[in-house]
Amino acid sequence: MGTGNPIRVTVQAVIQAPVEKVWKYWSEPEHITKWNQASDDWYSPRAENDLRAGGRFVIRMEAKDGSMGFDFCGIYDVVKLHEQVSPL
């Protein structure tokens, strides 16, 4: 991948639950580590999430066999409670 224009990814889902509950489970580190994995061979042993404009998130992802791992991180640009989250 070159150093040209950044790639923008948009993820959207419709979930049949109260927005407050979904927001909590999506944004709190103790919940992020339970759902954030690329496949059954991966897991997230730790997560940090400062959910505010200018706040940073860091989610550690590791292969369950210990062969590799990386930190997925970024900074939030827009956070509107129970409505919108946009990283920079």
N, C-alpha and C. Protein backbone atom coordinates (compact mmCIF):
# COMPACT_ATOMS: atom_id res chain seq x y z
N MET A 1 0.85 -1.17 0.00
CA MET A 1 0.00 0.00 0.00
C MET A 1 0.89 1.23 0.00
N GLY A 2 0.59 2.18 -0.86
CA GLY A 2 1.39 3.39 -0.97
C GLY A 2 1.10 4.40 0.12
N THR A 3 1.74 5.54 0.00
CA THR A 3 1.55 6.61 0.99
C THR A 3 0.64 7.70 0.46
N GLY A 4 -0.13 7.39 -0.58
CA GLY A 4 -1.03 8.37 -1.17
C GLY A 4 -2.21 8.70 -0.28
N ASN A 5 -3.38 8.76 -0.86
CA ASN A 5 -4.59 9.11 -0.12
C ASN A 5 -4.95 8.05 0.91
N PRO A 6 -5.37 8.47 2.10
CA PRO A 6 -5.77 7.49 3.12
C PRO A 6 -7.05 6.77 2.69
N ILE A 7 -7.22 5.57 3.18
CA ILE A 7 -8.40 4.78 2.90
C ILE A 7 -9.39 5.00 4.04
N ARG A 8 -10.63 5.29 3.69
CA ARG A 8 -11.67 5.51 4.70
C ARG A 8 -12.57 4.29 4.71
N VAL A 9 -12.83 3.77 5.91
CA VAL A 9 -13.70 2.62 6.09
C VAL A 9 -14.88 3.06 6.94
N THR A 10 -16.08 2.73 6.51
CA THR A 10 -17.29 3.03 7.27
C THR A 10 -17.95 1.71 7.64
N VAL A 11 -18.26 1.57 8.91
CA VAL A 11 -18.94 0.38 9.40
C VAL A 11 -20.29 0.80 9.96
N GLN A 12 -21.33 0.10 9.57
CA GLN A 12 -22.67 0.42 10.05
C GLN A 12 -23.37 -0.88 10.40
N ALA A 13 -24.11 -0.89 11.50
CA ALA A 13 -24.88 -2.05 11.91
C ALA A 13 -26.18 -1.60 12.54
N VAL A 14 -27.21 -2.39 12.38
CA VAL A 14 -28.49 -2.14 13.03
C VAL A 14 -28.64 -3.19 14.12
N ILE A 15 -28.78 -2.74 15.36
CA ILE A 15 -28.83 -3.63 16.51
C ILE A 15 -30.13 -3.36 17.26
N GLN A 16 -30.86 -4.41 17.53
CA GLN A 16 -32.16 -4.27 18.22
C GLN A 16 -31.94 -4.29 19.74
N ALA A 17 -31.49 -3.15 20.28
CA ALA A 17 -31.27 -3.00 21.72
C ALA A 17 -31.27 -1.50 22.02
N PRO A 18 -31.48 -1.12 23.27
CA PRO A 18 -31.44 0.29 23.63
C PRO A 18 -30.06 0.89 23.34
N VAL A 19 -30.04 2.10 22.82
CA VAL A 19 -28.78 2.73 22.42
C VAL A 19 -27.80 2.86 23.60
N GLU A 20 -28.31 3.10 24.80
CA GLU A 20 -27.43 3.23 25.96
C GLU A 20 -26.66 1.93 26.23
N LYS A 21 -27.33 0.81 26.08
CA LYS A 21 -26.69 -0.50 26.31
C LYS A 21 -25.66 -0.78 25.21
N VAL A 22 -26.02 -0.54 23.98
CA VAL A 22 -25.10 -0.76 22.86
C VAL A 22 -23.88 0.13 23.01
N TRP A 23 -24.06 1.38 23.34
CA TRP A 23 -22.96 2.34 23.52
C TRP A 23 -21.99 1.83 24.60
N LYS A 24 -22.54 1.37 25.70
CA LYS A 24 -21.72 0.86 26.82
C LYS A 24 -20.90 -0.35 26.38
N TYR A 25 -21.53 -1.32 25.74
CA TYR A 25 -20.84 -2.54 25.35
C TYR A 25 -19.84 -2.28 24.22
N TRP A 26 -20.08 -1.32 23.39
CA TRP A 26 -19.17 -0.98 22.30
C TRP A 26 -17.97 -0.18 22.79
N SER A 27 -18.14 0.63 23.84
CA SER A 27 -17.10 1.60 24.19
C SER A 27 -16.30 1.33 25.45
N GLU A 28 -16.78 0.48 26.36
CA GLU A 28 -16.06 0.25 27.61
C GLU A 28 -15.01 -0.85 27.43
N PRO A 29 -13.76 -0.59 27.86
CA PRO A 29 -12.67 -1.54 27.64
C PRO A 29 -12.96 -2.98 28.08
N GLU A 30 -13.65 -3.15 29.21
CA GLU A 30 -13.93 -4.52 29.67
C GLU A 30 -14.86 -5.27 28.73
N HIS A 31 -15.63 -4.56 27.93
CA HIS A 31 -16.49 -5.19 26.93
C HIS A 31 -15.77 -5.32 25.60
N ILE A 32 -14.98 -4.32 25.22
CA ILE A 32 -14.24 -4.36 23.95
C ILE A 32 -13.40 -5.62 23.87
N THR A 33 -12.75 -6.00 24.97
CA THR A 33 -11.89 -7.18 24.95
C THR A 33 -12.68 -8.48 24.75
N LYS A 34 -13.97 -8.44 24.95
CA LYS A 34 -14.80 -9.63 24.76
C LYS A 34 -15.30 -9.79 23.32
N TRP A 35 -15.44 -8.69 22.57
CA TRP A 35 -15.98 -8.82 21.21
C TRP A 35 -14.99 -8.48 20.11
N ASN A 36 -13.88 -7.86 20.42
CA ASN A 36 -12.96 -7.38 19.38
C ASN A 36 -11.93 -8.45 19.00
N GLN A 37 -12.21 -9.16 17.90
CA GLN A 37 -11.25 -10.11 17.35
C GLN A 37 -11.50 -10.25 15.86
N ALA A 38 -10.43 -10.49 15.11
CA ALA A 38 -10.54 -10.62 13.66
C ALA A 38 -11.14 -11.97 13.27
N SER A 39 -10.85 -12.99 14.06
CA SER A 39 -11.38 -14.34 13.83
C SER A 39 -11.26 -15.10 15.14
N ASP A 40 -11.67 -16.37 15.13
CA ASP A 40 -11.59 -17.18 16.34
C ASP A 40 -10.14 -17.43 16.78
N ASP A 41 -9.17 -17.17 15.91
CA ASP A 41 -7.75 -17.38 16.22
C ASP A 41 -7.11 -16.18 16.90
N TRP A 42 -7.86 -15.10 17.06
CA TRP A 42 -7.34 -13.86 17.63
C TRP A 42 -8.14 -13.46 18.86
N TYR A 43 -7.54 -12.61 19.69
CA TYR A 43 -8.25 -12.05 20.84
C TYR A 43 -7.62 -10.71 21.22
N SER A 44 -8.30 -9.98 22.07
CA SER A 44 -7.81 -8.68 22.54
C SER A 44 -7.61 -8.77 24.06
N PRO A 45 -6.36 -8.91 24.51
CA PRO A 45 -6.12 -9.05 25.94
C PRO A 45 -6.32 -7.76 26.74
N ARG A 46 -6.22 -6.59 26.06
CA ARG A 46 -6.42 -5.34 26.78
C ARG A 46 -6.92 -4.25 25.83
N ALA A 47 -7.58 -3.26 26.42
CA ALA A 47 -8.09 -2.14 25.65
C ALA A 47 -8.10 -0.89 26.52
N GLU A 48 -7.84 0.24 25.91
CA GLU A 48 -7.97 1.56 26.53
C GLU A 48 -8.85 2.37 25.60
N ASN A 49 -9.75 3.17 26.16
CA ASN A 49 -10.66 3.93 25.31
C ASN A 49 -11.07 5.22 26.00
N ASP A 50 -10.53 6.33 25.54
CA ASP A 50 -10.88 7.66 26.04
C ASP A 50 -11.86 8.27 25.04
N LEU A 51 -13.13 7.93 25.20
CA LEU A 51 -14.16 8.24 24.21
C LEU A 51 -14.63 9.68 24.33
N ARG A 52 -13.85 10.57 23.70
CA ARG A 52 -14.17 12.00 23.62
C ARG A 52 -13.40 12.55 22.44
N ALA A 53 -13.84 13.67 21.89
CA ALA A 53 -13.10 14.31 20.80
C ALA A 53 -11.68 14.58 21.28
N GLY A 54 -10.70 14.14 20.53
CA GLY A 54 -9.30 14.27 20.91
C GLY A 54 -8.80 13.13 21.77
N GLY A 55 -9.70 12.25 22.21
CA GLY A 55 -9.33 11.09 23.03
C GLY A 55 -8.72 9.99 22.18
N ARG A 56 -7.95 9.13 22.82
CA ARG A 56 -7.22 8.08 22.12
C ARG A 56 -7.76 6.70 22.52
N PHE A 57 -7.73 5.78 21.55
CA PHE A 57 -8.04 4.38 21.86
C PHE A 57 -6.85 3.51 21.48
N VAL A 58 -6.61 2.48 22.28
CA VAL A 58 -5.57 1.49 22.00
C VAL A 58 -6.15 0.13 22.34
N ILE A 59 -6.19 -0.75 21.36
CA ILE A 59 -6.70 -2.09 21.57
C ILE A 59 -5.61 -3.07 21.12
N ARG A 60 -5.15 -3.89 22.03
CA ARG A 60 -4.12 -4.89 21.73
C ARG A 60 -4.79 -6.11 21.12
N MET A 61 -4.31 -6.53 19.96
CA MET A 61 -4.81 -7.75 19.32
C MET A 61 -3.65 -8.73 19.23
N GLU A 62 -3.91 -9.99 19.57
CA GLU A 62 -2.88 -11.02 19.53
C GLU A 62 -3.45 -12.32 18.99
N ALA A 63 -2.60 -13.04 18.27
CA ALA A 63 -2.96 -14.38 17.85
C ALA A 63 -2.97 -15.28 19.08
N LYS A 64 -3.96 -16.16 19.19
CA LYS A 64 -4.06 -17.03 20.36
C LYS A 64 -2.87 -17.97 20.49
N ASP A 65 -2.21 -18.28 19.37
CA ASP A 65 -1.04 -19.18 19.43
C ASP A 65 0.24 -18.43 19.79
N GLY A 66 0.14 -17.12 20.02
CA GLY A 66 1.30 -16.32 20.43
C GLY A 66 2.25 -15.95 19.31
N SER A 67 1.88 -16.23 18.07
CA SER A 67 2.78 -15.99 16.94
C SER A 67 2.95 -14.53 16.58
N MET A 68 1.97 -13.71 16.89
CA MET A 68 2.09 -12.28 16.58
C MET A 68 1.03 -11.48 17.32
N GLY A 69 1.22 -10.17 17.31
CA GLY A 69 0.27 -9.26 17.92
C GLY A 69 0.58 -7.83 17.53
N PHE A 70 -0.37 -6.95 17.73
CA PHE A 70 -0.17 -5.54 17.39
C PHE A 70 -1.15 -4.69 18.18
N ASP A 71 -0.84 -3.40 18.29
CA ASP A 71 -1.74 -2.43 18.90
C ASP A 71 -2.50 -1.72 17.79
N PHE A 72 -3.83 -1.75 17.86
CA PHE A 72 -4.69 -1.00 16.97
C PHE A 72 -5.04 0.28 17.72
N CYS A 73 -4.70 1.44 17.17
CA CYS A 73 -4.91 2.67 17.92
C CYS A 73 -5.32 3.82 17.00
N GLY A 74 -5.84 4.85 17.63
CA GLY A 74 -6.25 6.04 16.90
C GLY A 74 -6.72 7.11 17.85
N ILE A 75 -7.16 8.22 17.26
CA ILE A 75 -7.65 9.37 18.01
C ILE A 75 -9.03 9.71 17.47
N TYR A 76 -9.96 10.01 18.38
CA TYR A 76 -11.31 10.38 17.97
C TYR A 76 -11.37 11.84 17.54
N ASP A 77 -12.05 12.08 16.43
CA ASP A 77 -12.28 13.42 15.92
C ASP A 77 -13.63 13.94 16.42
N VAL A 78 -14.66 13.10 16.29
CA VAL A 78 -16.02 13.49 16.67
C VAL A 78 -16.60 12.41 17.58
N VAL A 79 -17.17 12.82 18.70
CA VAL A 79 -17.91 11.92 19.58
C VAL A 79 -19.17 12.64 20.01
N LYS A 80 -20.31 12.08 19.61
CA LYS A 80 -21.62 12.60 20.03
C LYS A 80 -22.29 11.47 20.80
N LEU A 81 -22.47 11.64 22.09
CA LEU A 81 -22.99 10.61 22.97
C LEU A 81 -24.23 9.94 22.39
N HIS A 82 -24.18 8.62 22.32
CA HIS A 82 -25.27 7.78 21.84
C HIS A 82 -25.65 8.03 20.37
N GLU A 83 -24.74 8.69 19.62
CA GLU A 83 -25.11 9.06 18.25
C GLU A 83 -24.01 8.77 17.23
N GLN A 84 -22.77 9.26 17.48
CA GLN A 84 -21.74 9.18 16.44
C GLN A 84 -20.34 9.14 17.07
N VAL A 85 -19.48 8.32 16.42
CA VAL A 85 -18.05 8.27 16.77
C VAL A 85 -17.29 8.26 15.46
N SER A 86 -16.34 9.18 15.32
CA SER A 86 -15.52 9.26 14.12
C SER A 86 -14.06 9.46 14.50
N PRO A 87 -13.20 8.52 14.10
CA PRO A 87 -11.77 8.72 14.35
C PRO A 87 -11.18 9.68 13.33
N LEU A 88 -10.01 10.24 13.65
CA LEU A 88 -9.32 11.13 12.71
C LEU A 88 -8.91 10.37 11.47
